[in-house]
Amino acid sequence: MKKHIHVVAAVIGNEDGELLCALRSRQMSLPNVWEFPGGKVEDGEDYQAALEREIEEELHCTITAGDVFHTHTHDYEKVTVTLHCLHATITNGTPIASEHAKLIWMPTEQLDSLLWAPADIPAVESLQAAAVR
């Protein structure tokens, strides 16, 4: 039976209405695809606490995580991932790519120009559909 993990991802916007996108490095599983930054939920953590911890560890800045706005389960070859996307706001510092190859700010309507990790694609589609309204 495949391992099933819960992962949280931050959808962080800036003052220009762009969203923070992170390119997975060659050392990571699923290299060279884009994702919303985040990570695994540890035992006993709620989604907000997990996301705030992961962003501090990965991007060296502080955020306030909001509510879950999108959840999707994706079956990869070796693991099943349930991705919980939360809106988040940077409260201190500037995101720094320490684990990722690159960070960029991208307008919502251009998100689909990037090659996304499969688990992130439904969230991208949801964000773009909401932006059209």
C-alpha atoms as a PDB file:
ATOM      1  CA  MET A   1       0.000   0.000   0.000  1.00  0.00           C
ATOM      2  CA  LYS A   2       1.276   3.472  -0.931  1.00  0.00           C
ATOM      3  CA  LYS A   3       2.193   5.971   1.721  1.00  0.00           C
ATOM      4  CA  HIS A   4      -0.335   8.815   1.992  1.00  0.00           C
ATOM      5  CA  ILE A   5       0.962  12.205   3.133  1.00  0.00           C
ATOM      6  CA  HIS A   6      -0.718  15.537   3.771  1.00  0.00           C
ATOM      7  CA  VAL A   7       1.090  18.575   2.419  1.00  0.00           C
ATOM      8  CA  VAL A   8       0.325  22.271   2.850  1.00  0.00           C
ATOM      9  CA  ALA A   9       1.107  24.955   0.284  1.00  0.00           C
ATOM     10  CA  ALA A  10       1.159  28.733   0.598  1.00  0.00           C
ATOM     11  CA  VAL A  11      -0.525  30.939  -1.965  1.00  0.00           C
ATOM     12  CA  ILE A  12       1.197  34.212  -1.169  1.00  0.00           C
ATOM     13  CA  GLY A  13       0.280  37.377  -3.017  1.00  0.00           C
ATOM     14  CA  ASN A  14       2.176  40.647  -3.260  1.00  0.00           C
ATOM     15  CA  GLU A  15       1.011  44.255  -3.555  1.00  0.00           C
ATOM     16  CA  ASP A  16       0.995  43.939  -7.371  1.00  0.00           C
ATOM     17  CA  GLY A  17      -1.459  41.035  -7.279  1.00  0.00           C
ATOM     18  CA  GLU A  18       1.185  38.467  -8.230  1.00  0.00           C
ATOM     19  CA  LEU A  19       1.614  35.056  -6.585  1.00  0.00           C
ATOM     20  CA  LEU A  20       4.826  33.488  -5.300  1.00  0.00           C
ATOM     21  CA  CYS A  21       5.894  30.438  -7.326  1.00  0.00           C
ATOM     22  CA  ALA A  22       8.785  28.135  -6.416  1.00  0.00           C
ATOM     23  CA  LEU A  23      10.852  26.011  -8.823  1.00  0.00           C
ATOM     24  CA  ARG A  24      11.773  22.631  -7.361  1.00  0.00           C
ATOM     25  CA  SER A  25      15.551  22.096  -7.439  1.00  0.00           C
ATOM     26  CA  ARG A  26      17.315  19.190  -9.121  1.00  0.00           C
ATOM     27  CA  GLN A  27      17.963  17.665  -5.688  1.00  0.00           C
ATOM     28  CA  MET A  28      14.241  17.443  -4.857  1.00  0.00           C
ATOM     29  CA  SER A  29      11.827  14.757  -5.944  1.00  0.00           C
ATOM     30  CA  LEU A  30       9.937  16.033  -9.008  1.00  0.00           C
ATOM     31  CA  PRO A  31      12.789  18.344 -10.043  1.00  0.00           C
ATOM     32  CA  ASN A  32      12.379  21.366 -12.304  1.00  0.00           C
ATOM     33  CA  VAL A  33       8.635  21.828 -11.878  1.00  0.00           C
ATOM     34  CA  TRP A  34       6.871  24.724 -10.189  1.00  0.00           C
ATOM     35  CA  GLU A  35       4.873  24.579  -6.994  1.00  0.00           C
ATOM     36  CA  PHE A  36       3.405  26.741  -4.312  1.00  0.00           C
ATOM     37  CA  PRO A  37       5.921  26.522  -1.444  1.00  0.00           C
ATOM     38  CA  GLY A  38       5.153  24.479   1.648  1.00  0.00           C
ATOM     39  CA  GLY A  39       5.703  20.987   2.950  1.00  0.00           C
ATOM     40  CA  LYS A  40       4.548  18.009   4.942  1.00  0.00           C
ATOM     41  CA  VAL A  41       2.166  18.281   7.862  1.00  0.00           C
ATOM     42  CA  GLU A  42       3.728  16.741  10.985  1.00  0.00           C
ATOM     43  CA  ASP A  43       1.737  14.696  13.501  1.00  0.00           C
ATOM     44  CA  GLY A  44      -0.288  16.950  15.790  1.00  0.00           C
ATOM     45  CA  GLU A  45       0.017  20.064  13.590  1.00  0.00           C
ATOM     46  CA  ASP A  46      -2.917  21.921  12.130  1.00  0.00           C
ATOM     47  CA  TYR A  47      -2.550  23.133   8.563  1.00  0.00           C
ATOM     48  CA  GLN A  48      -1.834  26.747   9.499  1.00  0.00           C
ATOM     49  CA  ALA A  49       0.905  25.839  11.985  1.00  0.00           C
ATOM     50  CA  ALA A  50       2.472  23.398   9.513  1.00  0.00           C
ATOM     51  CA  LEU A  51       2.518  25.989   6.740  1.00  0.00           C
ATOM     52  CA  GLU A  52       3.934  28.735   8.937  1.00  0.00           C
ATOM     53  CA  ARG A  53       6.720  26.369  10.096  1.00  0.00           C
ATOM     54  CA  GLU A  54       7.506  25.126   6.585  1.00  0.00           C
ATOM     55  CA  ILE A  55       7.726  28.627   5.097  1.00  0.00           C
ATOM     56  CA  GLU A  56      10.014  29.792   7.878  1.00  0.00           C
ATOM     57  CA  GLU A  57      12.261  26.743   7.308  1.00  0.00           C
ATOM     58  CA  GLU A  58      12.241  26.886   3.483  1.00  0.00           C
ATOM     59  CA  LEU A  59      11.945  30.579   2.639  1.00  0.00           C
ATOM     60  CA  HIS A  60      13.350  32.228   5.798  1.00  0.00           C
ATOM     61  CA  CYS A  61      10.433  34.594   6.234  1.00  0.00           C
ATOM     62  CA  THR A  62       7.380  34.684   8.476  1.00  0.00           C
ATOM     63  CA  ILE A  63       3.818  34.317   7.243  1.00  0.00           C
ATOM     64  CA  THR A  64       0.328  34.232   8.645  1.00  0.00           C
ATOM     65  CA  ALA A  65      -1.573  31.329   7.116  1.00  0.00           C
ATOM     66  CA  GLY A  66      -5.261  31.718   6.388  1.00  0.00           C
ATOM     67  CA  ASP A  67      -7.951  29.162   5.718  1.00  0.00           C
ATOM     68  CA  VAL A  68      -7.702  26.246   3.326  1.00  0.00           C
ATOM     69  CA  PHE A  69      -9.185  27.308  -0.016  1.00  0.00           C
ATOM     70  CA  HIS A  70      -8.356  24.223  -2.097  1.00  0.00           C
ATOM     71  CA  THR A  71      -7.670  20.545  -1.358  1.00  0.00           C
ATOM     72  CA  HIS A  72      -6.736  17.935  -3.929  1.00  0.00           C
ATOM     73  CA  THR A  73      -5.418  14.378  -3.701  1.00  0.00           C
ATOM     74  CA  HIS A  74      -2.953  13.210  -6.332  1.00  0.00           C
ATOM     75  CA  ASP A  75      -1.539   9.709  -6.797  1.00  0.00           C
ATOM     76  CA  TYR A  76       2.134   9.751  -7.690  1.00  0.00           C
ATOM     77  CA  GLU A  77       3.973   6.524  -8.512  1.00  0.00           C
ATOM     78  CA  LYS A  78       5.255   5.917  -4.977  1.00  0.00           C
ATOM     79  CA  VAL A  79       3.101   8.148  -2.771  1.00  0.00           C
ATOM     80  CA  THR A  80      -0.366   9.652  -2.538  1.00  0.00           C
ATOM     81  CA  VAL A  81      -0.331  13.355  -1.695  1.00  0.00           C
ATOM     82  CA  THR A  82      -3.265  15.350  -0.375  1.00  0.00           C
ATOM     83  CA  LEU A  83      -2.354  18.975  -0.997  1.00  0.00           C
ATOM     84  CA  HIS A  84      -4.071  21.627   1.118  1.00  0.00           C
ATOM     85  CA  CYS A  85      -3.585  25.137  -0.310  1.00  0.00           C
ATOM     86  CA  LEU A  86      -3.960  28.098   2.021  1.00  0.00           C
ATOM     87  CA  HIS A  87      -3.831  31.802   1.327  1.00  0.00           C
ATOM     88  CA  ALA A  88      -0.986  33.371   3.301  1.00  0.00           C
ATOM     89  CA  THR A  89       0.479  36.797   3.979  1.00  0.00           C
ATOM     90  CA  ILE A  90       4.129  37.606   4.595  1.00  0.00           C
ATOM     91  CA  THR A  91       4.435  39.315   7.970  1.00  0.00           C
ATOM     92  CA  ASN A  92       8.227  39.574   8.270  1.00  0.00           C
ATOM     93  CA  GLY A  93      11.154  39.248   5.881  1.00  0.00           C
ATOM     94  CA  THR A  94      11.506  38.499   2.190  1.00  0.00           C
ATOM     95  CA  PRO A  95      11.262  34.975   0.743  1.00  0.00           C
ATOM     96  CA  ILE A  96      14.679  33.468  -0.061  1.00  0.00           C
ATOM     97  CA  ALA A  97      15.113  30.330  -2.185  1.00  0.00           C
ATOM     98  CA  SER A  98      17.206  28.102   0.068  1.00  0.00           C
ATOM     99  CA  GLU A  99      15.815  24.719  -0.999  1.00  0.00           C
ATOM    100  CA  HIS A 100      14.195  25.708  -4.293  1.00  0.00           C
ATOM    101  CA  ALA A 101      16.136  26.569  -7.452  1.00  0.00           C
ATOM    102  CA  LYS A 102      14.244  29.819  -7.937  1.00  0.00           C
ATOM    103  CA  LEU A 103      11.358  31.965  -6.684  1.00  0.00           C
ATOM    104  CA  ILE A 104       9.315  34.244  -8.940  1.00  0.00           C
ATOM    105  CA  TRP A 105       6.244  36.449  -8.623  1.00  0.00           C
ATOM    106  CA  MET A 106       3.717  35.675 -11.367  1.00  0.00           C
ATOM    107  CA  PRO A 107       0.365  37.259 -12.265  1.00  0.00           C
ATOM    108  CA  THR A 108      -2.493  34.800 -11.691  1.00  0.00           C
ATOM    109  CA  GLU A 109      -3.558  34.878 -15.337  1.00  0.00           C
ATOM    110  CA  GLN A 110      -0.049  33.749 -16.395  1.00  0.00           C
ATOM    111  CA  LEU A 111       0.344  30.855 -13.930  1.00  0.00           C
ATOM    112  CA  ASP A 112      -0.504  28.282 -16.592  1.00  0.00           C
ATOM    113  CA  SER A 113       2.599  29.318 -18.567  1.00  0.00           C
ATOM    114  CA  LEU A 114       4.707  27.402 -16.019  1.00  0.00           C
ATOM    115  CA  LEU A 115       5.208  23.628 -15.818  1.00  0.00           C
ATOM    116  CA  TRP A 116       3.537  22.782 -12.488  1.00  0.00           C
ATOM    117  CA  ALA A 117       3.863  19.745 -10.237  1.00  0.00           C
ATOM    118  CA  PRO A 118       0.810  17.560 -10.914  1.00  0.00           C
ATOM    119  CA  ALA A 119      -0.637  18.001  -7.408  1.00  0.00           C
ATOM    120  CA  ASP A 120      -0.539  21.807  -7.788  1.00  0.00           C
ATOM    121  CA  ILE A 121      -2.331  21.995 -11.159  1.00  0.00           C
ATOM    122  CA  PRO A 122      -5.910  21.888  -9.770  1.00  0.00           C
ATOM    123  CA  ALA A 123      -5.081  24.770  -7.390  1.00  0.00           C
ATOM    124  CA  VAL A 124      -3.650  26.806 -10.283  1.00  0.00           C
ATOM    125  CA  GLU A 125      -6.834  26.145 -12.283  1.00  0.00           C
ATOM    126  CA  SER A 126      -8.988  27.137  -9.308  1.00  0.00           C
ATOM    127  CA  LEU A 127      -7.037  30.385  -8.791  1.00  0.00           C
ATOM    128  CA  GLN A 128      -7.296  31.279 -12.466  1.00  0.00           C
ATOM    129  CA  ALA A 129     -11.026  30.527 -12.574  1.00  0.00           C
ATOM    130  CA  ALA A 130     -11.587  32.746  -9.515  1.00  0.00           C
ATOM    131  CA  ALA A 131      -9.543  35.570 -11.096  1.00  0.00           C
ATOM    132  CA  VAL A 132     -11.746  35.543 -14.232  1.00  0.00           C
ATOM    133  CA  ARG A 133     -14.907  36.234 -12.210  1.00  0.00           C
END
